[in-house]
Amino acid sequence: MTYYDPETGAALKAALDDLVSEWPAVTERTMFGCPSYQADGTLFAVVVTDGVALTRLPETDRPELEAAFETGPFRAGERTVTKWVQVTVDEDGVERLAPFVESSYEAALEETD
């Protein structure tokens, strides 16, 4: 199963690249066939064709995120990762999503301390 189509998801990936590229300790790698971002080696975001999965978003931020966006758990084949929240968003919504991406990033950095 493909979670990320590089043609369809290119604009979303570019918008997320623009957002996180200046943040300290951010690296990109491919996971689950998707562009993924790490903060000091800890995964904090995964781009899928029609959205972004936030892997370290604090529970306290979820109600606000769920009120602003369509969300659900990240699914990898038969496996559902309920701790990760997948947000349906396109490149035009990345600016509104930015505080949540940053929150996931900051939580990932805290895990490496």
N, C-alpha and C. Protein backbone atom coordinates (compact mmCIF):
# COMPACT_ATOMS: atom_id res chain seq x y z
N MET A 1 0.84 -1.18 0.00
CA MET A 1 0.00 0.00 0.00
C MET A 1 0.88 1.25 0.00
N THR A 2 0.56 2.21 -0.83
CA THR A 2 1.30 3.45 -0.91
C THR A 2 0.62 4.52 -0.07
N TYR A 3 1.38 5.14 0.81
CA TYR A 3 0.84 6.18 1.68
C TYR A 3 1.13 7.58 1.14
N TYR A 4 2.13 7.63 0.24
CA TYR A 4 2.54 8.92 -0.30
C TYR A 4 2.78 8.80 -1.79
N ASP A 5 2.08 9.62 -2.56
CA ASP A 5 2.29 9.72 -4.00
C ASP A 5 3.09 11.00 -4.23
N PRO A 6 4.33 10.90 -4.70
CA PRO A 6 5.18 12.08 -4.85
C PRO A 6 4.62 13.13 -5.80
N GLU A 7 3.84 12.70 -6.77
CA GLU A 7 3.26 13.67 -7.71
C GLU A 7 2.11 14.43 -7.04
N THR A 8 1.19 13.69 -6.45
CA THR A 8 0.02 14.31 -5.81
C THR A 8 0.41 15.08 -4.55
N GLY A 9 1.38 14.58 -3.79
CA GLY A 9 1.74 15.19 -2.52
C GLY A 9 2.88 16.20 -2.59
N ALA A 10 3.38 16.49 -3.78
CA ALA A 10 4.56 17.36 -3.92
C ALA A 10 4.36 18.75 -3.32
N ALA A 11 3.22 19.37 -3.57
CA ALA A 11 3.00 20.73 -3.07
C ALA A 11 2.90 20.74 -1.54
N LEU A 12 2.27 19.73 -0.97
CA LEU A 12 2.18 19.63 0.48
C LEU A 12 3.56 19.43 1.09
N LYS A 13 4.35 18.55 0.50
CA LYS A 13 5.71 18.32 1.00
C LYS A 13 6.54 19.60 0.92
N ALA A 14 6.43 20.33 -0.19
CA ALA A 14 7.19 21.57 -0.35
C ALA A 14 6.79 22.59 0.72
N ALA A 15 5.50 22.69 1.02
CA ALA A 15 5.03 23.62 2.04
C ALA A 15 5.57 23.23 3.42
N LEU A 16 5.58 21.94 3.71
CA LEU A 16 6.11 21.48 5.00
C LEU A 16 7.62 21.67 5.05
N ASP A 17 8.31 21.42 3.94
CA ASP A 17 9.75 21.68 3.87
C ASP A 17 10.04 23.14 4.22
N ASP A 18 9.28 24.04 3.62
CA ASP A 18 9.47 25.47 3.89
C ASP A 18 9.27 25.79 5.37
N LEU A 19 8.30 25.14 5.99
CA LEU A 19 8.01 25.39 7.40
C LEU A 19 9.14 24.93 8.30
N VAL A 20 9.63 23.72 8.11
CA VAL A 20 10.57 23.13 9.08
C VAL A 20 12.05 23.29 8.72
N SER A 21 12.35 23.77 7.53
CA SER A 21 13.73 23.78 7.06
C SER A 21 14.68 24.62 7.91
N GLU A 22 14.18 25.64 8.57
CA GLU A 22 15.05 26.50 9.38
C GLU A 22 15.09 26.10 10.85
N TRP A 23 14.29 25.11 11.24
CA TRP A 23 14.28 24.69 12.63
C TRP A 23 15.54 23.90 12.95
N PRO A 24 16.15 24.16 14.10
CA PRO A 24 17.38 23.45 14.46
C PRO A 24 17.15 21.93 14.59
N ALA A 25 18.14 21.18 14.19
CA ALA A 25 18.22 19.73 14.38
C ALA A 25 17.19 18.94 13.57
N VAL A 26 16.60 19.54 12.52
CA VAL A 26 15.62 18.82 11.70
C VAL A 26 16.33 18.11 10.56
N THR A 27 16.00 16.83 10.40
CA THR A 27 16.48 16.05 9.27
C THR A 27 15.28 15.38 8.61
N GLU A 28 15.45 15.04 7.35
CA GLU A 28 14.39 14.37 6.61
C GLU A 28 14.89 13.00 6.18
N ARG A 29 13.99 12.02 6.24
CA ARG A 29 14.28 10.69 5.71
C ARG A 29 12.97 10.07 5.28
N THR A 30 13.04 8.97 4.58
CA THR A 30 11.85 8.27 4.12
C THR A 30 11.50 7.16 5.10
N MET A 31 10.24 7.16 5.55
CA MET A 31 9.72 6.10 6.42
C MET A 31 8.34 5.73 5.92
N PHE A 32 8.02 4.45 5.86
CA PHE A 32 6.73 3.98 5.32
C PHE A 32 6.56 4.45 3.88
N GLY A 33 7.66 4.76 3.18
CA GLY A 33 7.59 5.27 1.83
C GLY A 33 7.18 6.73 1.76
N CYS A 34 7.21 7.41 2.91
CA CYS A 34 6.77 8.80 3.00
C CYS A 34 7.90 9.71 3.46
N PRO A 35 7.91 10.97 3.00
CA PRO A 35 8.85 11.93 3.56
C PRO A 35 8.54 12.10 5.05
N SER A 36 9.56 12.01 5.87
CA SER A 36 9.38 12.10 7.31
C SER A 36 10.42 13.03 7.90
N TYR A 37 10.05 13.67 8.99
CA TYR A 37 10.93 14.66 9.60
C TYR A 37 11.25 14.25 11.03
N GLN A 38 12.53 14.42 11.38
CA GLN A 38 13.00 14.10 12.72
C GLN A 38 13.62 15.33 13.35
N ALA A 39 13.47 15.41 14.66
CA ALA A 39 14.13 16.45 15.45
C ALA A 39 15.18 15.75 16.29
N ASP A 40 16.42 16.00 15.98
CA ASP A 40 17.53 15.38 16.70
C ASP A 40 17.37 13.86 16.75
N GLY A 41 16.89 13.27 15.65
CA GLY A 41 16.76 11.83 15.53
C GLY A 41 15.42 11.25 15.95
N THR A 42 14.50 12.07 16.47
CA THR A 42 13.19 11.59 16.91
C THR A 42 12.13 12.06 15.92
N LEU A 43 11.37 11.12 15.41
CA LEU A 43 10.34 11.40 14.41
C LEU A 43 9.26 12.33 14.98
N PHE A 44 8.90 13.39 14.21
CA PHE A 44 7.81 14.26 14.66
C PHE A 44 6.73 14.50 13.61
N ALA A 45 7.00 14.21 12.34
CA ALA A 45 5.98 14.41 11.30
C ALA A 45 6.25 13.50 10.11
N VAL A 46 5.16 13.02 9.51
CA VAL A 46 5.22 12.17 8.32
C VAL A 46 4.23 12.74 7.30
N VAL A 47 4.70 13.00 6.08
CA VAL A 47 3.82 13.51 5.02
C VAL A 47 3.20 12.32 4.31
N VAL A 48 1.87 12.33 4.20
CA VAL A 48 1.15 11.35 3.41
C VAL A 48 0.50 12.11 2.25
N THR A 49 -0.03 11.42 1.29
CA THR A 49 -0.54 12.08 0.09
C THR A 49 -1.53 13.19 0.40
N ASP A 50 -2.43 12.97 1.34
CA ASP A 50 -3.47 13.98 1.59
C ASP A 50 -3.39 14.58 2.99
N GLY A 51 -2.20 14.56 3.59
CA GLY A 51 -2.09 15.14 4.92
C GLY A 51 -0.76 14.91 5.57
N VAL A 52 -0.78 15.12 6.89
CA VAL A 52 0.43 15.01 7.69
C VAL A 52 0.09 14.23 8.96
N ALA A 53 0.94 13.28 9.31
CA ALA A 53 0.79 12.58 10.58
C ALA A 53 1.76 13.21 11.57
N LEU A 54 1.24 13.61 12.72
CA LEU A 54 2.07 14.18 13.77
C LEU A 54 2.29 13.10 14.82
N THR A 55 3.55 12.76 15.03
CA THR A 55 3.87 11.59 15.85
C THR A 55 4.10 11.90 17.32
N ARG A 56 4.32 13.15 17.65
CA ARG A 56 4.63 13.50 19.04
C ARG A 56 3.74 14.62 19.58
N LEU A 57 2.60 14.83 18.95
CA LEU A 57 1.71 15.91 19.40
C LEU A 57 1.22 15.61 20.82
N PRO A 58 1.42 16.54 21.76
CA PRO A 58 0.93 16.33 23.12
C PRO A 58 -0.59 16.19 23.16
N GLU A 59 -1.07 15.35 24.05
CA GLU A 59 -2.52 15.13 24.20
C GLU A 59 -3.27 16.43 24.46
N THR A 60 -2.64 17.37 25.14
CA THR A 60 -3.30 18.64 25.46
C THR A 60 -3.59 19.47 24.22
N ASP A 61 -2.89 19.21 23.12
CA ASP A 61 -3.09 19.96 21.87
C ASP A 61 -4.13 19.31 20.95
N ARG A 62 -4.49 18.10 21.23
CA ARG A 62 -5.38 17.36 20.31
C ARG A 62 -6.77 17.95 20.18
N PRO A 63 -7.43 18.37 21.26
CA PRO A 63 -8.79 18.92 21.08
C PRO A 63 -8.82 20.13 20.12
N GLU A 64 -7.85 21.01 20.24
CA GLU A 64 -7.79 22.18 19.36
C GLU A 64 -7.53 21.76 17.91
N LEU A 65 -6.63 20.81 17.72
CA LEU A 65 -6.34 20.30 16.38
C LEU A 65 -7.58 19.65 15.77
N GLU A 66 -8.26 18.82 16.55
CA GLU A 66 -9.43 18.11 16.06
C GLU A 66 -10.59 19.04 15.76
N ALA A 67 -10.63 20.19 16.43
CA ALA A 67 -11.67 21.18 16.14
C ALA A 67 -11.39 21.93 14.84
N ALA A 68 -10.12 22.02 14.47
CA ALA A 68 -9.73 22.81 13.30
C ALA A 68 -9.55 22.00 12.02
N PHE A 69 -9.31 20.68 12.15
CA PHE A 69 -8.99 19.84 11.00
C PHE A 69 -9.70 18.50 11.10
N GLU A 70 -9.83 17.84 9.96
CA GLU A 70 -10.27 16.45 9.95
C GLU A 70 -9.07 15.60 10.37
N THR A 71 -9.26 14.75 11.38
CA THR A 71 -8.14 13.96 11.91
C THR A 71 -8.54 12.50 12.06
N GLY A 72 -7.55 11.68 12.28
CA GLY A 72 -7.74 10.26 12.55
C GLY A 72 -6.40 9.65 12.90
N PRO A 73 -6.37 8.38 13.25
CA PRO A 73 -5.10 7.73 13.55
C PRO A 73 -4.32 7.43 12.26
N PHE A 74 -3.03 7.27 12.39
CA PHE A 74 -2.19 6.89 11.25
C PHE A 74 -2.33 5.38 11.05
N ARG A 75 -2.55 4.99 9.82
CA ARG A 75 -2.66 3.57 9.49
C ARG A 75 -1.52 3.17 8.58
N ALA A 76 -0.81 2.13 8.98
CA ALA A 76 0.28 1.57 8.19
C ALA A 76 -0.08 0.13 7.89
N GLY A 77 -0.70 -0.09 6.76
CA GLY A 77 -1.16 -1.43 6.40
C GLY A 77 -2.23 -1.89 7.37
N GLU A 78 -2.02 -3.02 7.99
CA GLU A 78 -2.98 -3.57 8.95
C GLU A 78 -2.86 -2.92 10.32
N ARG A 79 -1.80 -2.17 10.52
CA ARG A 79 -1.50 -1.59 11.83
C ARG A 79 -2.05 -0.16 11.93
N THR A 80 -2.69 0.14 13.05
CA THR A 80 -3.16 1.49 13.33
C THR A 80 -2.34 2.04 14.49
N VAL A 81 -1.75 3.21 14.28
CA VAL A 81 -0.94 3.85 15.31
C VAL A 81 -1.80 4.95 15.94
N THR A 82 -2.46 4.64 17.05
CA THR A 82 -3.41 5.58 17.65
C THR A 82 -2.73 6.75 18.35
N LYS A 83 -1.46 6.60 18.71
CA LYS A 83 -0.75 7.71 19.36
C LYS A 83 -0.39 8.81 18.35
N TRP A 84 -0.36 8.45 17.08
CA TRP A 84 -0.08 9.44 16.04
C TRP A 84 -1.40 9.96 15.52
N VAL A 85 -1.47 11.26 15.27
CA VAL A 85 -2.69 11.82 14.71
C VAL A 85 -2.42 12.24 13.27
N GLN A 86 -3.24 11.74 12.36
CA GLN A 86 -3.12 12.09 10.95
C GLN A 86 -4.12 13.19 10.65
N VAL A 87 -3.64 14.25 10.04
CA VAL A 87 -4.44 15.43 9.73
C VAL A 87 -4.64 15.51 8.22
N THR A 88 -5.87 15.64 7.79
CA THR A 88 -6.14 15.86 6.38
C THR A 88 -5.93 17.34 6.10
N VAL A 89 -4.96 17.63 5.23
CA VAL A 89 -4.60 19.02 4.94
C VAL A 89 -3.89 19.06 3.59
N ASP A 90 -4.01 20.19 2.91
CA ASP A 90 -3.24 20.40 1.68
C ASP A 90 -2.25 21.53 1.95
N GLU A 91 -1.50 21.90 0.92
CA GLU A 91 -0.45 22.91 1.09
C GLU A 91 -1.00 24.25 1.60
N ASP A 92 -2.24 24.57 1.25
CA ASP A 92 -2.83 25.84 1.70
C ASP A 92 -3.14 25.84 3.20
N GLY A 93 -3.22 24.68 3.81
CA GLY A 93 -3.53 24.59 5.23
C GLY A 93 -2.32 24.45 6.14
N VAL A 94 -1.13 24.38 5.56
CA VAL A 94 0.08 24.17 6.36
C VAL A 94 0.31 25.34 7.33
N GLU A 95 0.00 26.54 6.92
CA GLU A 95 0.19 27.70 7.82
C GLU A 95 -0.68 27.55 9.07
N ARG A 96 -1.93 27.11 8.90
CA ARG A 96 -2.82 26.89 10.05
C ARG A 96 -2.37 25.70 10.89
N LEU A 97 -1.75 24.72 10.24
CA LEU A 97 -1.27 23.53 10.93
C LEU A 97 0.06 23.77 11.65
N ALA A 98 0.78 24.82 11.28
CA ALA A 98 2.13 25.08 11.77
C ALA A 98 2.28 25.00 13.29
N PRO A 99 1.38 25.58 14.09
CA PRO A 99 1.57 25.49 15.54
C PRO A 99 1.55 24.05 16.07
N PHE A 100 0.79 23.19 15.42
CA PHE A 100 0.71 21.80 15.84
C PHE A 100 1.95 21.02 15.41
N VAL A 101 2.45 21.31 14.22
CA VAL A 101 3.69 20.70 13.75
C VAL A 101 4.83 21.10 14.70
N GLU A 102 4.85 22.37 15.06
CA GLU A 102 5.89 22.86 15.97
C GLU A 102 5.78 22.22 17.35
N SER A 103 4.58 22.01 17.81
CA SER A 103 4.38 21.36 19.10
C SER A 103 4.89 19.92 19.07
N SER A 104 4.64 19.20 17.97
CA SER A 104 5.15 17.84 17.81
C SER A 104 6.68 17.86 17.75
N TYR A 105 7.24 18.83 17.04
CA TYR A 105 8.69 19.01 16.94
C TYR A 105 9.30 19.25 18.32
N GLU A 106 8.71 20.16 19.08
CA GLU A 106 9.25 20.47 20.41
C GLU A 106 9.17 19.27 21.34
N ALA A 107 8.08 18.51 21.26
CA ALA A 107 7.96 17.30 22.08
C ALA A 107 9.02 16.27 21.68
N ALA A 108 9.31 16.17 20.39
CA ALA A 108 10.36 15.25 19.93
C ALA A 108 11.72 15.68 20.46
N LEU A 109 12.00 16.98 20.46
CA LEU A 109 13.26 17.47 21.00
C LEU A 109 13.39 17.16 22.48
N GLU A 110 12.29 17.29 23.22
CA GLU A 110 12.31 17.00 24.65
C GLU A 110 12.63 15.54 24.92
N GLU A 111 12.21 14.65 24.03
CA GLU A 111 12.48 13.22 24.21
C GLU A 111 13.97 12.92 24.07
N THR A 112 14.69 13.77 23.35
CA THR A 112 16.11 13.51 23.12
C THR A 112 16.99 14.09 24.23
N ASP A 113 16.42 14.94 25.06
CA ASP A 113 17.20 15.55 26.16
C ASP A 113 17.57 14.53 27.21
